[in-house]
N, C-alpha and C. Protein backbone atom coordinates (compact mmCIF):
# COMPACT_ATOMS: atom_id res chain seq x y z
N MET A 1 -14.55 8.19 -11.18
CA MET A 1 -14.62 8.48 -12.63
C MET A 1 -14.89 7.17 -13.32
N PRO A 2 -15.96 7.07 -14.10
CA PRO A 2 -16.36 5.88 -14.81
C PRO A 2 -15.46 5.73 -16.06
N TYR A 3 -14.98 4.48 -16.26
CA TYR A 3 -14.16 4.16 -17.42
C TYR A 3 -14.89 3.26 -18.22
N LYS A 4 -14.62 3.16 -19.48
CA LYS A 4 -15.22 2.15 -20.41
C LYS A 4 -14.21 1.23 -21.09
N ARG A 5 -14.64 0.19 -21.62
CA ARG A 5 -13.88 -0.77 -22.22
C ARG A 5 -12.71 -0.15 -23.14
N GLY A 6 -11.56 -0.53 -22.97
CA GLY A 6 -10.39 -0.02 -23.78
C GLY A 6 -9.78 1.12 -23.21
N ASP A 7 -10.36 1.81 -22.16
CA ASP A 7 -9.68 2.95 -21.48
C ASP A 7 -8.34 2.43 -20.83
N THR A 8 -7.41 3.40 -20.77
CA THR A 8 -6.26 3.16 -20.00
C THR A 8 -6.20 3.97 -18.71
N CYS A 9 -5.88 3.37 -17.69
CA CYS A 9 -5.81 4.05 -16.39
C CYS A 9 -4.66 3.48 -15.61
N TYR A 10 -4.55 3.84 -14.40
CA TYR A 10 -3.46 3.48 -13.52
C TYR A 10 -3.96 2.87 -12.20
N ILE A 11 -3.17 1.95 -11.64
CA ILE A 11 -3.38 1.41 -10.35
C ILE A 11 -2.13 1.43 -9.56
N LEU A 12 -2.32 1.42 -8.20
CA LEU A 12 -1.15 1.30 -7.25
C LEU A 12 -0.91 -0.08 -6.84
N GLU A 13 0.21 -0.65 -6.94
CA GLU A 13 0.67 -1.90 -6.44
C GLU A 13 1.77 -1.78 -5.43
N ASP A 14 2.58 -2.70 -5.35
CA ASP A 14 3.77 -2.60 -4.42
C ASP A 14 4.83 -1.99 -5.10
N ASN A 15 4.73 -1.50 -6.38
CA ASN A 15 5.87 -0.92 -7.08
C ASN A 15 6.00 0.50 -6.70
N PRO A 16 7.08 1.16 -6.85
CA PRO A 16 7.38 2.47 -6.55
C PRO A 16 6.55 3.52 -7.43
N ARG A 17 6.16 3.03 -8.65
CA ARG A 17 5.46 3.82 -9.55
C ARG A 17 4.11 3.18 -9.84
N PRO A 18 3.10 4.05 -10.25
CA PRO A 18 1.88 3.52 -10.63
C PRO A 18 1.90 2.65 -11.85
N THR A 19 1.11 1.62 -11.82
CA THR A 19 1.14 0.59 -12.96
C THR A 19 -0.06 0.90 -14.00
N GLN A 20 0.31 0.98 -15.35
CA GLN A 20 -0.63 1.16 -16.29
C GLN A 20 -1.45 -0.01 -16.61
N VAL A 21 -2.80 0.02 -16.70
CA VAL A 21 -3.65 -1.05 -17.02
C VAL A 21 -4.73 -0.59 -18.05
N LYS A 22 -5.32 -1.63 -18.73
CA LYS A 22 -6.37 -1.31 -19.71
C LYS A 22 -7.70 -1.96 -19.23
N VAL A 23 -8.82 -1.24 -19.27
CA VAL A 23 -10.05 -1.72 -18.93
C VAL A 23 -10.57 -2.82 -19.89
N VAL A 24 -10.90 -4.00 -19.34
CA VAL A 24 -11.38 -5.14 -20.13
C VAL A 24 -12.83 -5.11 -20.10
N SER A 25 -13.43 -4.91 -19.01
CA SER A 25 -14.90 -4.88 -18.78
C SER A 25 -15.26 -4.17 -17.39
N LYS A 26 -16.58 -3.96 -17.33
CA LYS A 26 -17.10 -3.39 -16.13
C LYS A 26 -18.38 -4.05 -15.62
N GLN A 27 -18.54 -4.30 -14.35
CA GLN A 27 -19.71 -4.95 -13.75
C GLN A 27 -19.96 -4.10 -12.57
N GLY A 28 -21.00 -3.08 -12.66
CA GLY A 28 -21.27 -2.27 -11.61
C GLY A 28 -20.18 -1.34 -11.34
N THR A 29 -19.71 -1.29 -10.11
CA THR A 29 -18.48 -0.49 -9.78
C THR A 29 -17.10 -1.35 -9.72
N THR A 30 -17.35 -2.54 -10.20
CA THR A 30 -16.13 -3.42 -10.32
C THR A 30 -15.58 -3.46 -11.83
N TYR A 31 -14.29 -3.38 -11.92
CA TYR A 31 -13.59 -3.30 -13.26
C TYR A 31 -12.80 -4.57 -13.36
N ILE A 32 -12.70 -5.14 -14.58
CA ILE A 32 -11.78 -6.08 -14.86
C ILE A 32 -10.72 -5.41 -15.79
N VAL A 33 -9.42 -5.41 -15.19
CA VAL A 33 -8.39 -4.68 -15.97
C VAL A 33 -7.27 -5.64 -16.25
N GLN A 34 -6.52 -5.38 -17.29
CA GLN A 34 -5.40 -6.07 -17.69
C GLN A 34 -4.05 -5.28 -17.65
N LEU A 35 -3.07 -5.74 -17.13
CA LEU A 35 -1.79 -5.06 -17.05
C LEU A 35 -1.30 -4.96 -18.54
N ILE A 36 -0.83 -3.83 -18.89
CA ILE A 36 -0.28 -3.63 -20.31
C ILE A 36 0.83 -4.57 -20.50
N GLY A 37 0.83 -5.43 -21.61
CA GLY A 37 1.89 -6.23 -21.86
C GLY A 37 1.81 -7.63 -21.06
N SER A 38 0.69 -7.81 -20.36
CA SER A 38 0.60 -9.12 -19.64
C SER A 38 -0.81 -9.71 -20.16
N CYS A 39 -0.88 -11.10 -19.90
CA CYS A 39 -2.05 -11.82 -20.24
C CYS A 39 -3.11 -11.88 -19.07
N GLY A 40 -2.65 -11.76 -17.91
CA GLY A 40 -3.55 -11.96 -16.73
C GLY A 40 -4.46 -10.62 -16.61
N ALA A 41 -5.45 -10.80 -15.79
CA ALA A 41 -6.42 -9.79 -15.50
C ALA A 41 -6.63 -9.72 -14.01
N MET A 42 -7.15 -8.56 -13.58
CA MET A 42 -7.47 -8.38 -12.21
C MET A 42 -8.90 -7.78 -12.01
N LYS A 43 -9.49 -8.09 -11.06
CA LYS A 43 -10.84 -7.36 -10.62
C LYS A 43 -10.67 -6.45 -9.56
N LEU A 44 -11.01 -5.14 -9.84
CA LEU A 44 -10.78 -4.09 -8.88
C LEU A 44 -11.94 -3.09 -8.77
N GLN A 45 -12.16 -2.52 -7.63
CA GLN A 45 -13.22 -1.59 -7.47
C GLN A 45 -12.81 -0.22 -8.12
N GLU A 46 -13.69 0.61 -8.50
CA GLU A 46 -13.53 1.65 -9.18
C GLU A 46 -12.64 2.75 -8.52
N ASP A 47 -12.70 2.81 -7.24
CA ASP A 47 -11.91 3.66 -6.33
C ASP A 47 -10.42 3.34 -6.38
N ARG A 48 -10.05 2.20 -6.96
CA ARG A 48 -8.64 1.85 -7.02
C ARG A 48 -7.98 2.17 -8.36
N LEU A 49 -8.80 2.71 -9.16
CA LEU A 49 -8.39 3.13 -10.63
C LEU A 49 -8.29 4.64 -10.75
N TYR A 50 -7.08 5.09 -11.37
CA TYR A 50 -6.90 6.56 -11.52
C TYR A 50 -6.54 6.92 -12.95
N ALA A 51 -6.89 8.11 -13.21
CA ALA A 51 -6.81 8.67 -14.66
C ALA A 51 -5.44 8.94 -15.00
N THR A 52 -4.61 9.31 -14.20
CA THR A 52 -3.30 9.62 -14.50
C THR A 52 -2.35 9.11 -13.51
N PRO A 53 -1.03 8.96 -13.71
CA PRO A 53 -0.07 8.40 -12.79
C PRO A 53 0.12 9.48 -11.61
N GLU A 54 0.00 10.76 -11.87
CA GLU A 54 0.01 11.83 -10.90
C GLU A 54 -1.07 11.61 -9.92
N GLU A 55 -2.34 11.40 -10.41
CA GLU A 55 -3.50 11.28 -9.46
C GLU A 55 -3.26 9.96 -8.51
N ALA A 56 -2.75 8.91 -9.29
CA ALA A 56 -2.41 7.73 -8.37
C ALA A 56 -1.36 8.02 -7.25
N GLU A 57 -0.38 8.74 -7.61
CA GLU A 57 0.69 9.07 -6.74
C GLU A 57 0.11 9.95 -5.58
N ALA A 58 -0.72 10.86 -5.86
CA ALA A 58 -1.31 11.73 -4.84
C ALA A 58 -2.19 11.05 -3.89
N SER A 59 -2.75 9.98 -4.33
CA SER A 59 -3.69 9.16 -3.46
C SER A 59 -2.96 8.26 -2.51
N ARG A 60 -1.50 8.10 -2.77
CA ARG A 60 -0.84 7.28 -1.89
C ARG A 60 -0.86 7.67 -0.51
N LYS A 61 -1.00 6.79 0.36
CA LYS A 61 -1.25 7.10 1.84
C LYS A 61 0.26 7.33 2.33
N ALA A 62 0.30 8.41 3.33
CA ALA A 62 1.60 8.73 3.98
C ALA A 62 1.93 7.61 4.90
N PRO A 63 3.24 7.19 5.07
CA PRO A 63 3.42 6.15 6.08
C PRO A 63 3.11 6.58 7.40
N LYS A 64 2.69 5.60 8.21
CA LYS A 64 2.26 5.82 9.68
C LYS A 64 3.59 6.17 10.39
N ALA A 65 3.47 7.04 11.40
CA ALA A 65 4.46 7.51 12.24
C ALA A 65 4.79 6.23 13.22
N SER A 66 6.04 6.06 13.33
CA SER A 66 6.47 4.98 14.15
C SER A 66 6.81 5.57 15.63
N VAL A 67 6.53 4.63 16.64
CA VAL A 67 6.76 5.09 18.07
C VAL A 67 7.74 4.29 18.63
N SER A 68 8.67 4.76 19.15
CA SER A 68 9.78 4.02 19.86
C SER A 68 9.51 4.00 21.40
N VAL A 69 9.85 2.98 22.02
CA VAL A 69 9.60 2.86 23.44
C VAL A 69 10.81 3.41 24.22
N GLN A 70 10.60 4.31 25.26
CA GLN A 70 11.54 4.88 26.04
C GLN A 70 11.72 4.08 27.28
N LEU A 71 12.84 3.52 27.45
CA LEU A 71 13.08 2.82 28.75
C LEU A 71 13.64 3.67 29.91
N SER A 72 13.42 3.42 31.16
CA SER A 72 14.00 4.19 32.14
C SER A 72 15.45 3.85 32.26
N GLU A 73 16.18 4.88 32.77
CA GLU A 73 17.58 4.64 32.85
C GLU A 73 18.19 4.41 34.26
N SER A 74 17.38 3.40 34.94
CA SER A 74 17.72 3.03 36.35
C SER A 74 19.24 2.57 36.53
N THR A 75 19.78 1.94 35.58
CA THR A 75 21.12 1.43 35.69
C THR A 75 22.17 2.32 35.00
N GLY A 76 21.70 3.57 34.65
CA GLY A 76 22.60 4.42 34.03
C GLY A 76 22.90 4.14 32.47
N LYS A 77 22.49 2.98 32.08
CA LYS A 77 22.68 2.55 30.64
C LYS A 77 21.37 2.79 29.92
N PRO A 78 21.42 3.63 28.89
CA PRO A 78 20.12 3.83 28.16
C PRO A 78 19.65 2.51 27.37
N ASN A 79 18.41 2.33 27.29
CA ASN A 79 17.78 1.33 26.47
C ASN A 79 18.14 0.04 27.11
N VAL A 80 18.36 -0.21 28.40
CA VAL A 80 18.78 -1.44 28.95
C VAL A 80 17.62 -1.85 30.12
N ILE A 81 17.09 -2.96 30.01
CA ILE A 81 16.17 -3.34 30.98
C ILE A 81 16.92 -4.25 31.94
N GLU A 82 16.78 -4.04 33.28
CA GLU A 82 17.45 -4.91 34.22
C GLU A 82 16.40 -5.89 34.64
N ILE A 83 16.88 -7.20 34.56
CA ILE A 83 15.92 -8.37 34.84
C ILE A 83 16.71 -9.12 36.09
N GLN A 84 15.97 -9.32 37.08
CA GLN A 84 16.41 -9.92 38.30
C GLN A 84 16.30 -11.38 38.09
N ASN A 85 17.32 -12.12 38.50
CA ASN A 85 17.36 -13.57 38.52
C ASN A 85 16.43 -14.20 39.44
N MET A 86 15.24 -14.64 39.08
CA MET A 86 14.39 -15.20 40.08
C MET A 86 14.75 -16.63 40.61
N PHE A 87 15.69 -17.36 39.98
CA PHE A 87 16.00 -18.62 40.35
C PHE A 87 17.24 -18.62 41.24
N LYS A 88 17.64 -17.44 41.44
CA LYS A 88 18.85 -17.37 42.36
C LYS A 88 18.45 -17.65 43.87
N LYS A 89 19.27 -18.52 44.50
CA LYS A 89 18.91 -18.88 45.89
C LYS A 89 19.71 -18.08 46.84
């Protein structure tokens, strides 16, 4: 969605909630936005801007599934790796 100078939109950062920003300028598909209540500005691509906080939340990627390693139970103790002493004479 194209935004114009002065529009308010939302971005995703490392915060639990979307952050509200104001469009300062546009250069092609790149926008310069300012955090509301802050003096600094950021340069972001159009696909990182959202019209509503709900739209931003919906675009948040689901966490990747984690995989745990299953070790064999040769010693009878789960999750224990048996290492032989190679320096033993």
